[in-house]
Amino acid sequence: MTDKLTVSVLGTGIMGAAMARNLMKAGHTVRAWNRSRAKAEPLAADGALVAGSPAEAVQGADVVLTMLYDGPVTLQVMREAAPALRPGVAWMQSTTAGIEAVAELAAFADEHGLVFYDAPVLGTRQPAEAGQLTVLAAGPEEGRAAVVPVFEAVGAHTVWSGDDGAAAGATRLKLVANSWVLAATAATGEVLALARALGVDPQDFFDLIAGGPLDMGYLRAKAGLVLDGRLTPAQFAVGTAEKDARLIVRAGETHGVRLDVAAASAERFARAAAQGHADEDMAAAYFASFDEEPAS
């Protein structure tokens, strides 16, 4: 395996497009596809071959990288790519797909002779664009030479969580991490909403907790997006946050754990999406606290 690879990137939304650009910066050849071709076309200016179908995108690929909406969408796209998939190709599956879906995707990989890596990433738009994601990975040691250069191009470091991608060890860790991220985001929105309702200046709250154990850079960052009206472009969209929250709730239920905060967060994200904020940053869950849009 040479150091420079041909990587098929299936899904070029917020994260996939940034990952594709960093792959090209690292000298790899990128063949990109997205269901909405308009989202993939800008990559052509950076040197990517924009394909008209998943099958066209995976032709000649050393590595297939999927960064799609969820497990069922990923499986459908890979089925469309199947006629052109070569046995032995490494598949870096980076969609946050859920535990059961990862098992289904791994079974597809086994059926088609692909080397499967469960490899979701931790991070949002800015770290993705900077190539500073954290890659959470599980998959066989044999064959890692194909995917490690991809991990290094898109991420600052890699956390390995097993040698069997089908066991979804990386996805399990991602769901745990996201449960904290989504809970903190929902709580940030409620803090701002309550402060508004009670006539409290949010800055007084930030001053109160400054430098103490309750202070959080993440709280301040997400609150700033709401207070400054910088909810687009999204770092991580409301609609995707709702999907991930429901995956977390499902994972808890399957393993006998009730996750009340995650369930409530899913409903907050759903309400914000219904209000028209689905494509805005997930900090827009703030608006779910109001029956009518608050005046700025």
C-alpha atoms as a PDB file:
ATOM      1  CA  MET A   1       0.000   0.000   0.000  1.00  0.00           C
ATOM      2  CA  THR A   2       1.450   3.379  -1.022  1.00  0.00           C
ATOM      3  CA  ASP A   3       1.279   6.431   1.209  1.00  0.00           C
ATOM      4  CA  LYS A   4      -0.915   8.246  -1.313  1.00  0.00           C
ATOM      5  CA  LEU A   5      -4.344   6.709  -1.668  1.00  0.00           C
ATOM      6  CA  THR A   6      -7.458   7.018  -3.744  1.00  0.00           C
ATOM      7  CA  VAL A   7     -10.278   7.707  -1.305  1.00  0.00           C
ATOM      8  CA  SER A   8     -13.948   7.625  -2.185  1.00  0.00           C
ATOM      9  CA  VAL A   9     -15.891  10.066   0.011  1.00  0.00           C
ATOM     10  CA  LEU A  10     -19.598   9.277   0.021  1.00  0.00           C
ATOM     11  CA  GLY A  11     -21.465  12.145   1.672  1.00  0.00           C
ATOM     12  CA  THR A  12     -20.092  15.684   1.366  1.00  0.00           C
ATOM     13  CA  GLY A  13     -22.114  17.659   3.879  1.00  0.00           C
ATOM     14  CA  ILE A  14     -20.579  19.743   6.665  1.00  0.00           C
ATOM     15  CA  MET A  15     -18.190  17.033   7.798  1.00  0.00           C
ATOM     16  CA  GLY A  16     -17.647  15.024   4.623  1.00  0.00           C
ATOM     17  CA  ALA A  17     -16.651  18.029   2.520  1.00  0.00           C
ATOM     18  CA  ALA A  18     -14.126  19.184   5.123  1.00  0.00           C
ATOM     19  CA  MET A  19     -12.669  15.691   5.388  1.00  0.00           C
ATOM     20  CA  ALA A  20     -12.403  15.443   1.601  1.00  0.00           C
ATOM     21  CA  ARG A  21     -10.496  18.729   1.412  1.00  0.00           C
ATOM     22  CA  ASN A  22      -8.034  17.638   4.083  1.00  0.00           C
ATOM     23  CA  LEU A  23      -7.480  14.360   2.274  1.00  0.00           C
ATOM     24  CA  MET A  24      -6.556  16.298  -0.860  1.00  0.00           C
ATOM     25  CA  LYS A  25      -4.284  18.610   1.137  1.00  0.00           C
ATOM     26  CA  ALA A  26      -2.476  15.489   2.336  1.00  0.00           C
ATOM     27  CA  GLY A  27      -1.893  14.455  -1.280  1.00  0.00           C
ATOM     28  CA  HIS A  28      -4.554  11.777  -1.607  1.00  0.00           C
ATOM     29  CA  THR A  29      -6.822  11.452  -4.631  1.00  0.00           C
ATOM     30  CA  VAL A  30     -10.491  12.015  -3.777  1.00  0.00           C
ATOM     31  CA  ARG A  31     -13.502  10.758  -5.669  1.00  0.00           C
ATOM     32  CA  ALA A  32     -16.558  12.432  -4.127  1.00  0.00           C
ATOM     33  CA  TRP A  33     -20.280  11.783  -4.305  1.00  0.00           C
ATOM     34  CA  ASN A  34     -23.313  13.321  -2.646  1.00  0.00           C
ATOM     35  CA  ARG A  35     -27.013  12.686  -3.206  1.00  0.00           C
ATOM     36  CA  SER A  36     -27.403  16.413  -3.832  1.00  0.00           C
ATOM     37  CA  ARG A  37     -24.618  16.924  -6.366  1.00  0.00           C
ATOM     38  CA  ALA A  38     -24.543  20.668  -5.691  1.00  0.00           C
ATOM     39  CA  LYS A  39     -22.974  19.986  -2.291  1.00  0.00           C
ATOM     40  CA  ALA A  40     -20.164  17.999  -3.895  1.00  0.00           C
ATOM     41  CA  GLU A  41     -19.447  20.244  -6.881  1.00  0.00           C
ATOM     42  CA  PRO A  42     -17.341  22.837  -4.956  1.00  0.00           C
ATOM     43  CA  LEU A  43     -14.814  20.067  -4.234  1.00  0.00           C
ATOM     44  CA  ALA A  44     -13.964  19.903  -7.928  1.00  0.00           C
ATOM     45  CA  ALA A  45     -12.173  23.241  -7.612  1.00  0.00           C
ATOM     46  CA  ASP A  46      -9.903  21.633  -5.009  1.00  0.00           C
ATOM     47  CA  GLY A  47      -9.070  18.728  -7.307  1.00  0.00           C
ATOM     48  CA  ALA A  48     -11.699  16.117  -6.468  1.00  0.00           C
ATOM     49  CA  LEU A  49     -13.409  14.028  -9.097  1.00  0.00           C
ATOM     50  CA  VAL A  50     -17.128  14.551  -8.465  1.00  0.00           C
ATOM     51  CA  ALA A  51     -18.958  11.369  -9.390  1.00  0.00           C
ATOM     52  CA  GLY A  52     -22.513  11.003 -10.578  1.00  0.00           C
ATOM     53  CA  SER A  53     -23.232   7.830  -8.606  1.00  0.00           C
ATOM     54  CA  PRO A  54     -21.841   5.890  -5.634  1.00  0.00           C
ATOM     55  CA  ALA A  55     -20.654   3.157  -8.007  1.00  0.00           C
ATOM     56  CA  GLU A  56     -18.715   5.672 -10.083  1.00  0.00           C
ATOM     57  CA  ALA A  57     -17.237   7.203  -6.936  1.00  0.00           C
ATOM     58  CA  VAL A  58     -15.813   3.942  -5.580  1.00  0.00           C
ATOM     59  CA  GLN A  59     -14.146   2.831  -8.810  1.00  0.00           C
ATOM     60  CA  GLY A  60     -10.443   2.281  -8.158  1.00  0.00           C
ATOM     61  CA  ALA A  61     -10.714   3.341  -4.507  1.00  0.00           C
ATOM     62  CA  ASP A  62      -8.244   2.102  -1.899  1.00  0.00           C
ATOM     63  CA  VAL A  63     -10.498   3.381   0.887  1.00  0.00           C
ATOM     64  CA  VAL A  64     -14.213   4.165   0.963  1.00  0.00           C
ATOM     65  CA  LEU A  65     -15.199   6.796   3.535  1.00  0.00           C
ATOM     66  CA  THR A  66     -18.908   7.172   4.333  1.00  0.00           C
ATOM     67  CA  MET A  67     -20.160  10.292   6.108  1.00  0.00           C
ATOM     68  CA  LEU A  68     -23.901  10.133   5.540  1.00  0.00           C
ATOM     69  CA  TYR A  69     -27.006  10.868   7.603  1.00  0.00           C
ATOM     70  CA  ASP A  70     -27.621   7.546   9.340  1.00  0.00           C
ATOM     71  CA  GLY A  71     -27.257   3.775   9.114  1.00  0.00           C
ATOM     72  CA  PRO A  72     -30.120   3.018   6.701  1.00  0.00           C
ATOM     73  CA  VAL A  73     -28.987   5.752   4.293  1.00  0.00           C
ATOM     74  CA  THR A  74     -25.425   4.456   4.453  1.00  0.00           C
ATOM     75  CA  LEU A  75     -26.501   0.899   3.720  1.00  0.00           C
ATOM     76  CA  GLN A  76     -28.596   2.036   0.750  1.00  0.00           C
ATOM     77  CA  VAL A  77     -25.723   4.071  -0.693  1.00  0.00           C
ATOM     78  CA  MET A  78     -23.276   1.194  -0.284  1.00  0.00           C
ATOM     79  CA  ARG A  79     -25.734  -1.110  -2.038  1.00  0.00           C
ATOM     80  CA  GLU A  80     -25.733   1.367  -4.931  1.00  0.00           C
ATOM     81  CA  ALA A  81     -21.923   1.298  -4.887  1.00  0.00           C
ATOM     82  CA  ALA A  82     -21.733  -2.504  -4.667  1.00  0.00           C
ATOM     83  CA  PRO A  83     -21.240  -3.249  -8.407  1.00  0.00           C
ATOM     84  CA  ALA A  84     -17.966  -1.298  -8.398  1.00  0.00           C
ATOM     85  CA  LEU A  85     -16.595  -2.306  -4.987  1.00  0.00           C
ATOM     86  CA  ARG A  86     -13.398  -4.347  -5.110  1.00  0.00           C
ATOM     87  CA  PRO A  87     -12.905  -7.090  -2.509  1.00  0.00           C
ATOM     88  CA  GLY A  88     -10.222  -6.088  -0.030  1.00  0.00           C
ATOM     89  CA  VAL A  89     -11.033  -2.371  -0.103  1.00  0.00           C
ATOM     90  CA  ALA A  90     -11.005  -0.722   3.330  1.00  0.00           C
ATOM     91  CA  TRP A  91     -14.249   0.902   4.409  1.00  0.00           C
ATOM     92  CA  MET A  92     -14.002   3.749   6.939  1.00  0.00           C
ATOM     93  CA  GLN A  93     -17.593   4.069   8.173  1.00  0.00           C
ATOM     94  CA  SER A  94     -17.783   7.466   9.897  1.00  0.00           C
ATOM     95  CA  THR A  95     -21.538   8.056   9.998  1.00  0.00           C
ATOM     96  CA  THR A  96     -22.997   8.112  13.517  1.00  0.00           C
ATOM     97  CA  ALA A  97     -25.210   5.161  12.729  1.00  0.00           C
ATOM     98  CA  GLY A  98     -26.181   3.469  16.002  1.00  0.00           C
ATOM     99  CA  ILE A  99     -25.083   0.133  17.377  1.00  0.00           C
ATOM    100  CA  GLU A 100     -27.541  -2.115  15.522  1.00  0.00           C
ATOM    101  CA  ALA A 101     -26.928  -0.327  12.228  1.00  0.00           C
ATOM    102  CA  VAL A 102     -23.164  -0.799  12.530  1.00  0.00           C
ATOM    103  CA  ALA A 103     -23.698  -4.548  12.791  1.00  0.00           C
ATOM    104  CA  GLU A 104     -25.767  -4.435   9.583  1.00  0.00           C
ATOM    105  CA  LEU A 105     -23.109  -2.403   7.799  1.00  0.00           C
ATOM    106  CA  ALA A 106     -20.390  -4.788   8.951  1.00  0.00           C
ATOM    107  CA  ALA A 107     -22.423  -7.699   7.605  1.00  0.00           C
ATOM    108  CA  PHE A 108     -22.639  -5.934   4.229  1.00  0.00           C
ATOM    109  CA  ALA A 109     -18.877  -5.433   4.306  1.00  0.00           C
ATOM    110  CA  ASP A 110     -18.324  -9.108   5.044  1.00  0.00           C
ATOM    111  CA  GLU A 111     -20.659 -10.114   2.223  1.00  0.00           C
ATOM    112  CA  HIS A 112     -18.672  -8.000  -0.256  1.00  0.00           C
ATOM    113  CA  GLY A 113     -15.196  -8.783   1.064  1.00  0.00           C
ATOM    114  CA  LEU A 114     -14.540  -5.284   2.419  1.00  0.00           C
ATOM    115  CA  VAL A 115     -12.281  -4.583   5.398  1.00  0.00           C
ATOM    116  CA  PHE A 116     -14.626  -2.813   7.790  1.00  0.00           C
ATOM    117  CA  TYR A 117     -13.638  -0.040  10.206  1.00  0.00           C
ATOM    118  CA  ASP A 118     -16.185   1.445  12.579  1.00  0.00           C
ATOM    119  CA  ALA A 119     -14.752   4.971  12.606  1.00  0.00           C
ATOM    120  CA  PRO A 120     -17.044   7.813  13.749  1.00  0.00           C
ATOM    121  CA  VAL A 121     -15.378  11.127  14.487  1.00  0.00           C
ATOM    122  CA  LEU A 122     -15.648  13.541  17.388  1.00  0.00           C
ATOM    123  CA  GLY A 123     -15.759  17.194  16.437  1.00  0.00           C
ATOM    124  CA  THR A 124     -17.787  19.733  14.490  1.00  0.00           C
ATOM    125  CA  ARG A 125     -17.312  21.982  11.451  1.00  0.00           C
ATOM    126  CA  GLN A 126     -14.294  23.975  12.664  1.00  0.00           C
ATOM    127  CA  PRO A 127     -12.123  21.026  13.774  1.00  0.00           C
ATOM    128  CA  ALA A 128     -13.204  19.143  10.649  1.00  0.00           C
ATOM    129  CA  GLU A 129     -12.043  21.989   8.429  1.00  0.00           C
ATOM    130  CA  ALA A 130      -8.776  22.220  10.370  1.00  0.00           C
ATOM    131  CA  GLY A 131      -8.115  18.476  10.187  1.00  0.00           C
ATOM    132  CA  GLN A 132      -8.319  18.323  13.976  1.00  0.00           C
ATOM    133  CA  LEU A 133     -11.068  15.741  14.471  1.00  0.00           C
ATOM    134  CA  THR A 134     -10.680  12.847  16.876  1.00  0.00           C
ATOM    135  CA  VAL A 135     -11.176   9.558  15.068  1.00  0.00           C
ATOM    136  CA  LEU A 136     -12.737   6.804  17.161  1.00  0.00           C
ATOM    137  CA  ALA A 137     -11.801   3.565  15.454  1.00  0.00           C
ATOM    138  CA  ALA A 138     -12.373  -0.163  15.700  1.00  0.00           C
ATOM    139  CA  GLY A 139     -11.225  -2.672  13.117  1.00  0.00           C
ATOM    140  CA  PRO A 140      -8.660  -5.338  12.290  1.00  0.00           C
ATOM    141  CA  GLU A 141      -4.963  -4.644  12.779  1.00  0.00           C
ATOM    142  CA  GLU A 142      -4.312  -6.264   9.430  1.00  0.00           C
ATOM    143  CA  GLY A 143      -5.298  -3.646   6.917  1.00  0.00           C
ATOM    144  CA  ARG A 144      -4.832  -0.590   9.119  1.00  0.00           C
ATOM    145  CA  ALA A 145      -2.060   0.606   6.831  1.00  0.00           C
ATOM    146  CA  ALA A 146      -4.799   1.538   4.377  1.00  0.00           C
ATOM    147  CA  VAL A 147      -6.865   3.631   6.776  1.00  0.00           C
ATOM    148  CA  VAL A 148      -4.290   5.210   9.109  1.00  0.00           C
ATOM    149  CA  PRO A 149      -3.173   7.753   6.455  1.00  0.00           C
ATOM    150  CA  VAL A 150      -6.836   8.735   6.075  1.00  0.00           C
ATOM    151  CA  PHE A 151      -7.246   9.066   9.838  1.00  0.00           C
ATOM    152  CA  GLU A 152      -4.124  11.221   9.974  1.00  0.00           C
ATOM    153  CA  ALA A 153      -5.359  13.498   7.197  1.00  0.00           C
ATOM    154  CA  VAL A 154      -8.720  14.227   8.804  1.00  0.00           C
ATOM    155  CA  GLY A 155      -7.894  14.037  12.500  1.00  0.00           C
ATOM    156  CA  ALA A 156      -5.459  15.176  15.157  1.00  0.00           C
ATOM    157  CA  HIS A 157      -5.388  11.776  16.815  1.00  0.00           C
ATOM    158  CA  THR A 158      -7.039   8.375  16.756  1.00  0.00           C
ATOM    159  CA  VAL A 159      -8.522   6.440  19.670  1.00  0.00           C
ATOM    160  CA  TRP A 160      -8.650   2.706  18.983  1.00  0.00           C
ATOM    161  CA  SER A 161     -11.387   0.771  20.751  1.00  0.00           C
ATOM    162  CA  GLY A 162     -11.030  -2.755  19.463  1.00  0.00           C
ATOM    163  CA  ASP A 163     -10.123  -4.874  16.466  1.00  0.00           C
ATOM    164  CA  ASP A 164     -13.658  -5.871  15.457  1.00  0.00           C
ATOM    165  CA  GLY A 165     -15.617  -3.143  13.711  1.00  0.00           C
ATOM    166  CA  ALA A 166     -18.800  -5.212  13.827  1.00  0.00           C
ATOM    167  CA  ALA A 167     -18.806  -4.956  17.633  1.00  0.00           C
ATOM    168  CA  ALA A 168     -19.284  -1.185  17.231  1.00  0.00           C
ATOM    169  CA  GLY A 169     -16.817  -0.321  19.990  1.00  0.00           C
ATOM    170  CA  ALA A 170     -16.054   3.049  18.404  1.00  0.00           C
ATOM    171  CA  THR A 171     -19.727   3.864  17.903  1.00  0.00           C
ATOM    172  CA  ARG A 172     -20.468   2.954  21.519  1.00  0.00           C
ATOM    173  CA  LEU A 173     -17.826   5.422  22.668  1.00  0.00           C
ATOM    174  CA  LYS A 174     -19.164   8.069  20.261  1.00  0.00           C
ATOM    175  CA  LEU A 175     -22.693   7.709  21.644  1.00  0.00           C
ATOM    176  CA  VAL A 176     -21.411   8.136  25.199  1.00  0.00           C
ATOM    177  CA  ALA A 177     -19.490  11.266  24.177  1.00  0.00           C
ATOM    178  CA  ASN A 178     -22.429  12.666  22.236  1.00  0.00           C
ATOM    179  CA  SER A 179     -24.776  12.091  25.170  1.00  0.00           C
ATOM    180  CA  TRP A 180     -22.718  14.647  27.090  1.00  0.00           C
ATOM    181  CA  VAL A 181     -22.435  17.064  24.160  1.00  0.00           C
ATOM    182  CA  LEU A 182     -26.168  17.065  23.474  1.00  0.00           C
ATOM    183  CA  ALA A 183     -27.107  17.361  27.149  1.00  0.00           C
ATOM    184  CA  ALA A 184     -24.764  20.335  27.567  1.00  0.00           C
ATOM    185  CA  THR A 185     -26.196  21.975  24.447  1.00  0.00           C
ATOM    186  CA  ALA A 186     -29.786  21.538  25.605  1.00  0.00           C
ATOM    187  CA  ALA A 187     -28.913  22.855  29.076  1.00  0.00           C
ATOM    188  CA  THR A 188     -27.231  25.907  27.558  1.00  0.00           C
ATOM    189  CA  GLY A 189     -30.409  26.769  25.690  1.00  0.00           C
ATOM    190  CA  GLU A 190     -32.515  26.401  28.820  1.00  0.00           C
ATOM    191  CA  VAL A 191     -30.165  28.609  30.844  1.00  0.00           C
ATOM    192  CA  LEU A 192     -30.455  31.371  28.251  1.00  0.00           C
ATOM    193  CA  ALA A 193     -34.225  30.955  27.963  1.00  0.00           C
ATOM    194  CA  LEU A 194     -34.747  31.097  31.738  1.00  0.00           C
ATOM    195  CA  ALA A 195     -32.457  34.116  32.033  1.00  0.00           C
ATOM    196  CA  ARG A 196     -34.521  35.881  29.361  1.00  0.00           C
ATOM    197  CA  ALA A 197     -37.807  34.994  31.058  1.00  0.00           C
ATOM    198  CA  LEU A 198     -36.607  36.213  34.463  1.00  0.00           C
ATOM    199  CA  GLY A 199     -34.973  39.370  33.166  1.00  0.00           C
ATOM    200  CA  VAL A 200     -31.464  38.213  34.063  1.00  0.00           C
ATOM    201  CA  ASP A 201     -28.551  39.413  31.942  1.00  0.00           C
ATOM    202  CA  PRO A 202     -26.761  36.223  30.736  1.00  0.00           C
ATOM    203  CA  GLN A 203     -23.455  37.985  31.340  1.00  0.00           C
ATOM    204  CA  ASP A 204     -24.270  38.150  35.057  1.00  0.00           C
ATOM    205  CA  PHE A 205     -24.561  34.352  35.021  1.00  0.00           C
ATOM    206  CA  PHE A 206     -21.260  33.962  33.177  1.00  0.00           C
ATOM    207  CA  ASP A 207     -19.569  36.321  35.657  1.00  0.00           C
ATOM    208  CA  LEU A 208     -21.039  34.317  38.542  1.00  0.00           C
ATOM    209  CA  ILE A 209     -19.501  31.008  37.397  1.00  0.00           C
ATOM    210  CA  ALA A 210     -16.298  32.443  35.882  1.00  0.00           C
ATOM    211  CA  GLY A 211     -13.217  30.404  36.719  1.00  0.00           C
ATOM    212  CA  GLY A 212     -15.078  27.954  38.918  1.00  0.00           C
ATOM    213  CA  PRO A 213     -16.002  24.293  38.508  1.00  0.00           C
ATOM    214  CA  LEU A 214     -19.320  25.223  36.845  1.00  0.00           C
ATOM    215  CA  ASP A 215     -17.634  27.214  34.099  1.00  0.00           C
ATOM    216  CA  MET A 216     -17.287  25.596  30.664  1.00  0.00           C
ATOM    217  CA  GLY A 217     -15.751  26.804  27.441  1.00  0.00           C
ATOM    218  CA  TYR A 218     -18.397  24.817  25.571  1.00  0.00           C
ATOM    219  CA  LEU A 219     -21.212  26.596  27.445  1.00  0.00           C
ATOM    220  CA  ARG A 220     -19.792  29.978  26.525  1.00  0.00           C
ATOM    221  CA  ALA A 221     -19.213  28.984  22.895  1.00  0.00           C
ATOM    222  CA  LYS A 222     -22.741  27.662  22.321  1.00  0.00           C
ATOM    223  CA  ALA A 223     -24.340  30.524  24.252  1.00  0.00           C
ATOM    224  CA  GLY A 224     -22.366  32.966  22.133  1.00  0.00           C
ATOM    225  CA  LEU A 225     -23.837  31.521  18.940  1.00  0.00           C
ATOM    226  CA  VAL A 226     -27.344  32.206  20.247  1.00  0.00           C
ATOM    227  CA  LEU A 227     -26.665  35.625  21.769  1.00  0.00           C
ATOM    228  CA  ASP A 228     -24.759  36.859  18.709  1.00  0.00           C
ATOM    229  CA  GLY A 229     -27.154  35.349  16.170  1.00  0.00           C
ATOM    230  CA  ARG A 230     -24.436  33.188  14.587  1.00  0.00           C
ATOM    231  CA  LEU A 231     -26.419  29.975  14.155  1.00  0.00           C
ATOM    232  CA  THR A 232     -25.467  29.589  10.499  1.00  0.00           C
ATOM    233  CA  PRO A 233     -23.453  28.030   9.096  1.00  0.00           C
ATOM    234  CA  ALA A 234     -24.069  25.223  11.554  1.00  0.00           C
ATOM    235  CA  GLN A 235     -21.197  23.584  13.391  1.00  0.00           C
ATOM    236  CA  PHE A 236     -23.537  20.644  14.042  1.00  0.00           C
ATOM    237  CA  ALA A 237     -27.122  20.960  12.878  1.00  0.00           C
ATOM    238  CA  VAL A 238     -30.289  20.677  14.958  1.00  0.00           C
ATOM    239  CA  GLY A 239     -31.699  17.930  12.729  1.00  0.00           C
ATOM    240  CA  THR A 240     -28.587  15.794  13.086  1.00  0.00           C
ATOM    241  CA  ALA A 241     -28.520  16.390  16.840  1.00  0.00           C
ATOM    242  CA  GLU A 242     -32.088  15.086  17.106  1.00  0.00           C
ATOM    243  CA  LYS A 243     -31.131  11.953  15.169  1.00  0.00           C
ATOM    244  CA  ASP A 244     -28.125  11.318  17.417  1.00  0.00           C
ATOM    245  CA  ALA A 245     -30.153  11.918  20.578  1.00  0.00           C
ATOM    246  CA  ARG A 246     -32.648   9.279  19.494  1.00  0.00           C
ATOM    247  CA  LEU A 247     -29.826   6.834  18.756  1.00  0.00           C
ATOM    248  CA  ILE A 248     -28.525   7.435  22.281  1.00  0.00           C
ATOM    249  CA  VAL A 249     -31.966   6.845  23.816  1.00  0.00           C
ATOM    250  CA  ARG A 250     -32.339   3.654  21.773  1.00  0.00           C
ATOM    251  CA  ALA A 251     -28.920   2.399  22.866  1.00  0.00           C
ATOM    252  CA  GLY A 252     -29.839   2.985  26.497  1.00  0.00           C
ATOM    253  CA  GLU A 253     -33.189   1.228  26.164  1.00  0.00           C
ATOM    254  CA  THR A 254     -31.605  -1.761  24.456  1.00  0.00           C
ATOM    255  CA  HIS A 255     -29.142  -2.131  27.315  1.00  0.00           C
ATOM    256  CA  GLY A 256     -31.600  -1.547  30.156  1.00  0.00           C
ATOM    257  CA  VAL A 257     -30.767   2.078  30.915  1.00  0.00           C
ATOM    258  CA  ARG A 258     -33.290   4.923  31.021  1.00  0.00           C
ATOM    259  CA  LEU A 259     -31.834   8.168  29.697  1.00  0.00           C
ATOM    260  CA  ASP A 260     -34.305  10.891  30.616  1.00  0.00           C
ATOM    261  CA  VAL A 261     -32.060  13.816  29.687  1.00  0.00           C
ATOM    262  CA  ALA A 262     -31.260  12.386  26.258  1.00  0.00           C
ATOM    263  CA  ALA A 263     -34.963  11.739  25.622  1.00  0.00           C
ATOM    264  CA  ALA A 264     -35.869  15.289  26.621  1.00  0.00           C
ATOM    265  CA  SER A 265     -33.045  16.662  24.480  1.00  0.00           C
ATOM    266  CA  ALA A 266     -34.365  14.746  21.473  1.00  0.00           C
ATOM    267  CA  GLU A 267     -37.762  16.386  21.950  1.00  0.00           C
ATOM    268  CA  ARG A 268     -36.198  19.848  22.283  1.00  0.00           C
ATOM    269  CA  PHE A 269     -34.267  19.375  19.050  1.00  0.00           C
ATOM    270  CA  ALA A 270     -37.431  18.096  17.341  1.00  0.00           C
ATOM    271  CA  ARG A 271     -39.397  21.181  18.436  1.00  0.00           C
ATOM    272  CA  ALA A 272     -36.631  23.507  17.247  1.00  0.00           C
ATOM    273  CA  ALA A 273     -36.556  21.704  13.898  1.00  0.00           C
ATOM    274  CA  ALA A 274     -40.335  22.025  13.562  1.00  0.00           C
ATOM    275  CA  GLN A 275     -39.959  25.767  14.189  1.00  0.00           C
ATOM    276  CA  GLY A 276     -37.670  25.999  11.146  1.00  0.00           C
ATOM    277  CA  HIS A 277     -34.255  25.651  12.777  1.00  0.00           C
ATOM    278  CA  ALA A 278     -33.336  22.154  11.524  1.00  0.00           C
ATOM    279  CA  ASP A 279     -30.347  23.336   9.478  1.00  0.00           C
ATOM    280  CA  GLU A 280     -29.062  25.811  12.061  1.00  0.00           C
ATOM    281  CA  ASP A 281     -26.484  25.017  14.722  1.00  0.00           C
ATOM    282  CA  MET A 282     -27.813  22.744  17.443  1.00  0.00           C
ATOM    283  CA  ALA A 283     -27.543  25.668  19.870  1.00  0.00           C
ATOM    284  CA  ALA A 284     -30.804  26.763  18.210  1.00  0.00           C
ATOM    285  CA  ALA A 285     -32.525  24.259  20.508  1.00  0.00           C
ATOM    286  CA  TYR A 286     -32.780  27.419  22.616  1.00  0.00           C
ATOM    287  CA  PHE A 287     -35.877  28.364  20.603  1.00  0.00           C
ATOM    288  CA  ALA A 288     -37.679  25.199  21.714  1.00  0.00           C
ATOM    289  CA  SER A 289     -38.242  26.915  25.065  1.00  0.00           C
ATOM    290  CA  PHE A 290     -40.687  29.354  23.474  1.00  0.00           C
ATOM    291  CA  ASP A 291     -44.059  28.877  21.833  1.00  0.00           C
ATOM    292  CA  GLU A 292     -43.344  31.926  19.697  1.00  0.00           C
ATOM    293  CA  GLU A 293     -40.020  33.187  18.382  1.00  0.00           C
ATOM    294  CA  PRO A 294     -38.630  35.647  20.957  1.00  0.00           C
ATOM    295  CA  ALA A 295     -37.896  39.159  19.742  1.00  0.00           C
ATOM    296  CA  SER A 296     -34.213  39.888  19.296  1.00  0.00           C
END
